[in-house]
Amino acid sequence: MFNYPGRKTILCIDDDDGMLGYQRALLERRGYKVLTAASARQGLQIAAACAIAAVIVDYHMPEMNGHEVATEIKRLMPQVPIVMLSSDEEIPENALQVVDAFVSKNDAPGRLLPVITRICGENPSPFPMGAERLKIMQNLLD
């Protein structure tokens, strides 16, 4: 395997086993360590117990939605960036304001890895913050 700096750990939370398998394969090929959770509750337990560099969370899940999960993770670890995934084209604005990036599941093959590398600080140009970040997410939804 290539020697990637830091071997950062990414937590993937999704109730779809197929999507978790896809994310694991994509990220491990890039050199990340991947932890997966098939439920919101399991994801929160892992987030509280492990050192993670970033979280990828699905918006639609039973028990808690991705907005609720992201809010709790940000409360516990405000410095950890969160990427929200969804097959929906319209995610509530208040959910998008909690996360650092949004990627449509339809666009995941081409967009997920670049977003993760950017928010994990592996790209010389940092991921836009604040209003610029929100504008980019809104453009993704258009």
C-alpha atoms as a PDB file:
ATOM      1  CA  MET A   1       0.000   0.000   0.000  1.00  0.00           C
ATOM      2  CA  PHE A   2       1.123   3.568  -0.628  1.00  0.00           C
ATOM      3  CA  ASN A   3       2.415   5.531   2.334  1.00  0.00           C
ATOM      4  CA  TYR A   4      -0.230   8.218   2.854  1.00  0.00           C
ATOM      5  CA  PRO A   5       0.457  10.743   5.592  1.00  0.00           C
ATOM      6  CA  GLY A   6      -1.213  10.125   8.922  1.00  0.00           C
ATOM      7  CA  ARG A   7      -3.517   7.302   7.876  1.00  0.00           C
ATOM      8  CA  LYS A   8      -6.534   9.349   8.952  1.00  0.00           C
ATOM      9  CA  THR A   9      -9.636   7.601  10.223  1.00  0.00           C
ATOM     10  CA  ILE A  10     -12.990   8.301   8.583  1.00  0.00           C
ATOM     11  CA  LEU A  11     -16.260   7.262  10.236  1.00  0.00           C
ATOM     12  CA  CYS A  12     -19.010   6.327   7.759  1.00  0.00           C
ATOM     13  CA  ILE A  13     -22.583   6.192   9.105  1.00  0.00           C
ATOM     14  CA  ASP A  14     -25.295   4.799   6.817  1.00  0.00           C
ATOM     15  CA  ASP A  15     -28.104   2.267   7.188  1.00  0.00           C
ATOM     16  CA  ASP A  16     -27.373   0.996   3.652  1.00  0.00           C
ATOM     17  CA  ASP A  17     -24.747  -1.773   3.821  1.00  0.00           C
ATOM     18  CA  GLY A  18     -24.023  -1.390   0.105  1.00  0.00           C
ATOM     19  CA  MET A  19     -23.172   2.284   0.523  1.00  0.00           C
ATOM     20  CA  LEU A  20     -20.969   1.526   3.541  1.00  0.00           C
ATOM     21  CA  GLY A  21     -19.097  -1.089   1.504  1.00  0.00           C
ATOM     22  CA  TYR A  22     -18.635   1.375  -1.350  1.00  0.00           C
ATOM     23  CA  GLN A  23     -17.327   4.087   0.993  1.00  0.00           C
ATOM     24  CA  ARG A  24     -14.963   1.637   2.698  1.00  0.00           C
ATOM     25  CA  ALA A  25     -13.498   0.465  -0.627  1.00  0.00           C
ATOM     26  CA  LEU A  26     -13.140   4.010  -1.985  1.00  0.00           C
ATOM     27  CA  LEU A  27     -11.491   5.433   1.128  1.00  0.00           C
ATOM     28  CA  GLU A  28      -9.247   2.477   1.952  1.00  0.00           C
ATOM     29  CA  ARG A  29      -7.841   2.565  -1.594  1.00  0.00           C
ATOM     30  CA  ARG A  30      -6.843   6.167  -0.874  1.00  0.00           C
ATOM     31  CA  GLY A  31      -5.101   5.099   2.338  1.00  0.00           C
ATOM     32  CA  TYR A  32      -7.690   6.036   4.941  1.00  0.00           C
ATOM     33  CA  LYS A  33      -8.628   3.842   7.861  1.00  0.00           C
ATOM     34  CA  VAL A  34     -12.422   3.390   7.766  1.00  0.00           C
ATOM     35  CA  LEU A  35     -14.836   2.719  10.610  1.00  0.00           C
ATOM     36  CA  THR A  36     -18.439   1.953   9.677  1.00  0.00           C
ATOM     37  CA  ALA A  37     -21.714   2.170  11.565  1.00  0.00           C
ATOM     38  CA  ALA A  38     -25.007   0.776  10.261  1.00  0.00           C
ATOM     39  CA  SER A  39     -27.090   2.977  12.580  1.00  0.00           C
ATOM     40  CA  ALA A  40     -27.047   6.477  14.008  1.00  0.00           C
ATOM     41  CA  ARG A  41     -26.733   5.148  17.552  1.00  0.00           C
ATOM     42  CA  GLN A  42     -23.734   2.954  16.648  1.00  0.00           C
ATOM     43  CA  GLY A  43     -22.141   5.880  14.798  1.00  0.00           C
ATOM     44  CA  LEU A  44     -22.448   8.144  17.832  1.00  0.00           C
ATOM     45  CA  GLN A  45     -20.898   5.469  20.052  1.00  0.00           C
ATOM     46  CA  ILE A  46     -17.936   5.086  17.688  1.00  0.00           C
ATOM     47  CA  ALA A  47     -17.529   8.862  17.350  1.00  0.00           C
ATOM     48  CA  ALA A  48     -17.416   9.239  21.138  1.00  0.00           C
ATOM     49  CA  ALA A  49     -14.890   6.424  21.587  1.00  0.00           C
ATOM     50  CA  CYS A  50     -12.474   6.822  18.663  1.00  0.00           C
ATOM     51  CA  ALA A  51     -10.183   9.496  17.266  1.00  0.00           C
ATOM     52  CA  ILE A  52     -11.608  10.355  13.856  1.00  0.00           C
ATOM     53  CA  ALA A  53     -10.529  12.818  11.202  1.00  0.00           C
ATOM     54  CA  ALA A  54     -13.945  13.169   9.532  1.00  0.00           C
ATOM     55  CA  VAL A  55     -17.461  11.742   9.395  1.00  0.00           C
ATOM     56  CA  ILE A  56     -19.607  10.816   6.409  1.00  0.00           C
ATOM     57  CA  VAL A  57     -23.264  10.544   7.389  1.00  0.00           C
ATOM     58  CA  ASP A  58     -26.393   9.660   5.430  1.00  0.00           C
ATOM     59  CA  TYR A  59     -29.308  12.058   5.844  1.00  0.00           C
ATOM     60  CA  HIS A  60     -32.124   9.463   5.868  1.00  0.00           C
ATOM     61  CA  MET A  61     -31.780   6.832   8.589  1.00  0.00           C
ATOM     62  CA  PRO A  62     -34.194   5.256  11.058  1.00  0.00           C
ATOM     63  CA  GLU A  63     -34.120   6.411  14.704  1.00  0.00           C
ATOM     64  CA  MET A  64     -32.181   9.631  14.004  1.00  0.00           C
ATOM     65  CA  ASN A  65     -31.642  11.456  10.734  1.00  0.00           C
ATOM     66  CA  GLY A  66     -28.269  12.725   9.561  1.00  0.00           C
ATOM     67  CA  HIS A  67     -29.009  16.236  10.806  1.00  0.00           C
ATOM     68  CA  GLU A  68     -29.533  14.957  14.354  1.00  0.00           C
ATOM     69  CA  VAL A  69     -26.401  12.805  14.164  1.00  0.00           C
ATOM     70  CA  ALA A  70     -24.304  15.676  12.790  1.00  0.00           C
ATOM     71  CA  THR A  71     -25.595  18.039  15.481  1.00  0.00           C
ATOM     72  CA  GLU A  72     -24.618  15.601  18.250  1.00  0.00           C
ATOM     73  CA  ILE A  73     -21.169  14.924  16.756  1.00  0.00           C
ATOM     74  CA  LYS A  74     -20.502  18.665  16.408  1.00  0.00           C
ATOM     75  CA  ARG A  75     -21.563  19.129  20.038  1.00  0.00           C
ATOM     76  CA  LEU A  76     -19.073  16.459  21.157  1.00  0.00           C
ATOM     77  CA  MET A  77     -16.289  17.269  18.683  1.00  0.00           C
ATOM     78  CA  PRO A  78     -16.812  20.632  16.955  1.00  0.00           C
ATOM     79  CA  GLN A  79     -13.477  20.385  15.115  1.00  0.00           C
ATOM     80  CA  VAL A  80     -14.389  17.160  13.255  1.00  0.00           C
ATOM     81  CA  PRO A  81     -15.616  17.882   9.723  1.00  0.00           C
ATOM     82  CA  ILE A  82     -18.810  16.173   8.590  1.00  0.00           C
ATOM     83  CA  VAL A  83     -19.928  15.332   5.054  1.00  0.00           C
ATOM     84  CA  MET A  84     -23.623  14.634   4.585  1.00  0.00           C
ATOM     85  CA  LEU A  85     -24.763  12.272   1.850  1.00  0.00           C
ATOM     86  CA  SER A  86     -28.269  11.849   0.509  1.00  0.00           C
ATOM     87  CA  SER A  87     -30.092  10.628  -2.538  1.00  0.00           C
ATOM     88  CA  ASP A  88     -32.559  13.492  -1.971  1.00  0.00           C
ATOM     89  CA  GLU A  89     -32.064  16.648  -3.964  1.00  0.00           C
ATOM     90  CA  GLU A  90     -33.536  18.862  -1.238  1.00  0.00           C
ATOM     91  CA  ILE A  91     -32.082  18.768   2.260  1.00  0.00           C
ATOM     92  CA  PRO A  92     -33.403  21.236   4.853  1.00  0.00           C
ATOM     93  CA  GLU A  93     -31.264  24.356   5.160  1.00  0.00           C
ATOM     94  CA  ASN A  94     -30.788  23.878   8.913  1.00  0.00           C
ATOM     95  CA  ALA A  95     -29.277  20.425   8.251  1.00  0.00           C
ATOM     96  CA  LEU A  96     -26.818  21.847   5.712  1.00  0.00           C
ATOM     97  CA  GLN A  97     -25.688  24.531   8.150  1.00  0.00           C
ATOM     98  CA  VAL A  98     -24.460  21.891  10.635  1.00  0.00           C
ATOM     99  CA  VAL A  99     -22.242  19.992   8.184  1.00  0.00           C
ATOM    100  CA  ASP A 100     -19.060  20.997   6.373  1.00  0.00           C
ATOM    101  CA  ALA A 101     -20.068  19.606   2.977  1.00  0.00           C
ATOM    102  CA  PHE A 102     -22.928  17.904   1.167  1.00  0.00           C
ATOM    103  CA  VAL A 103     -22.553  15.317  -1.587  1.00  0.00           C
ATOM    104  CA  SER A 104     -25.470  13.778  -3.447  1.00  0.00           C
ATOM    105  CA  LYS A 105     -25.271   9.984  -3.473  1.00  0.00           C
ATOM    106  CA  ASN A 106     -25.671  10.214  -7.258  1.00  0.00           C
ATOM    107  CA  ASP A 107     -22.495  12.319  -7.412  1.00  0.00           C
ATOM    108  CA  ALA A 108     -20.556  10.297  -4.806  1.00  0.00           C
ATOM    109  CA  PRO A 109     -18.371   8.393  -7.320  1.00  0.00           C
ATOM    110  CA  GLY A 110     -16.773  11.611  -8.563  1.00  0.00           C
ATOM    111  CA  ARG A 111     -17.213  13.985  -5.627  1.00  0.00           C
ATOM    112  CA  LEU A 112     -16.873  12.130  -2.331  1.00  0.00           C
ATOM    113  CA  LEU A 113     -13.131  11.456  -2.383  1.00  0.00           C
ATOM    114  CA  PRO A 114     -12.143  15.019  -3.429  1.00  0.00           C
ATOM    115  CA  VAL A 115     -14.347  16.470  -0.688  1.00  0.00           C
ATOM    116  CA  ILE A 116     -12.883  14.145   1.961  1.00  0.00           C
ATOM    117  CA  THR A 117      -9.289  14.849   0.957  1.00  0.00           C
ATOM    118  CA  ARG A 118     -10.006  18.583   1.039  1.00  0.00           C
ATOM    119  CA  ILE A 119     -11.669  18.653   4.457  1.00  0.00           C
ATOM    120  CA  CYS A 120      -8.992  16.401   5.917  1.00  0.00           C
ATOM    121  CA  GLY A 121      -6.377  18.972   4.966  1.00  0.00           C
ATOM    122  CA  GLU A 122      -4.697  16.977   2.230  1.00  0.00           C
ATOM    123  CA  ASN A 123      -5.319  19.557  -0.466  1.00  0.00           C
ATOM    124  CA  PRO A 124      -3.297  22.787  -0.559  1.00  0.00           C
ATOM    125  CA  SER A 125      -6.471  24.826  -1.073  1.00  0.00           C
ATOM    126  CA  PRO A 126      -8.647  24.421   2.031  1.00  0.00           C
ATOM    127  CA  PHE A 127     -12.339  23.699   1.763  1.00  0.00           C
ATOM    128  CA  PRO A 128     -14.247  26.999   1.741  1.00  0.00           C
ATOM    129  CA  MET A 129     -15.734  28.041   5.037  1.00  0.00           C
ATOM    130  CA  GLY A 130     -18.769  30.052   6.097  1.00  0.00           C
ATOM    131  CA  ALA A 131     -20.929  31.741   3.477  1.00  0.00           C
ATOM    132  CA  GLU A 132     -18.734  30.493   0.627  1.00  0.00           C
ATOM    133  CA  ARG A 133     -19.198  26.896   1.814  1.00  0.00           C
ATOM    134  CA  LEU A 134     -22.970  27.362   2.026  1.00  0.00           C
ATOM    135  CA  LYS A 135     -23.030  28.813  -1.499  1.00  0.00           C
ATOM    136  CA  ILE A 136     -21.148  25.773  -2.845  1.00  0.00           C
ATOM    137  CA  MET A 137     -23.578  23.405  -1.109  1.00  0.00           C
ATOM    138  CA  GLN A 138     -26.547  25.311  -2.520  1.00  0.00           C
ATOM    139  CA  ASN A 139     -25.059  25.094  -6.014  1.00  0.00           C
ATOM    140  CA  LEU A 140     -24.746  21.332  -5.566  1.00  0.00           C
ATOM    141  CA  LEU A 141     -28.435  21.175  -4.765  1.00  0.00           C
ATOM    142  CA  ASP A 142     -29.492  23.218  -7.809  1.00  0.00           C
END
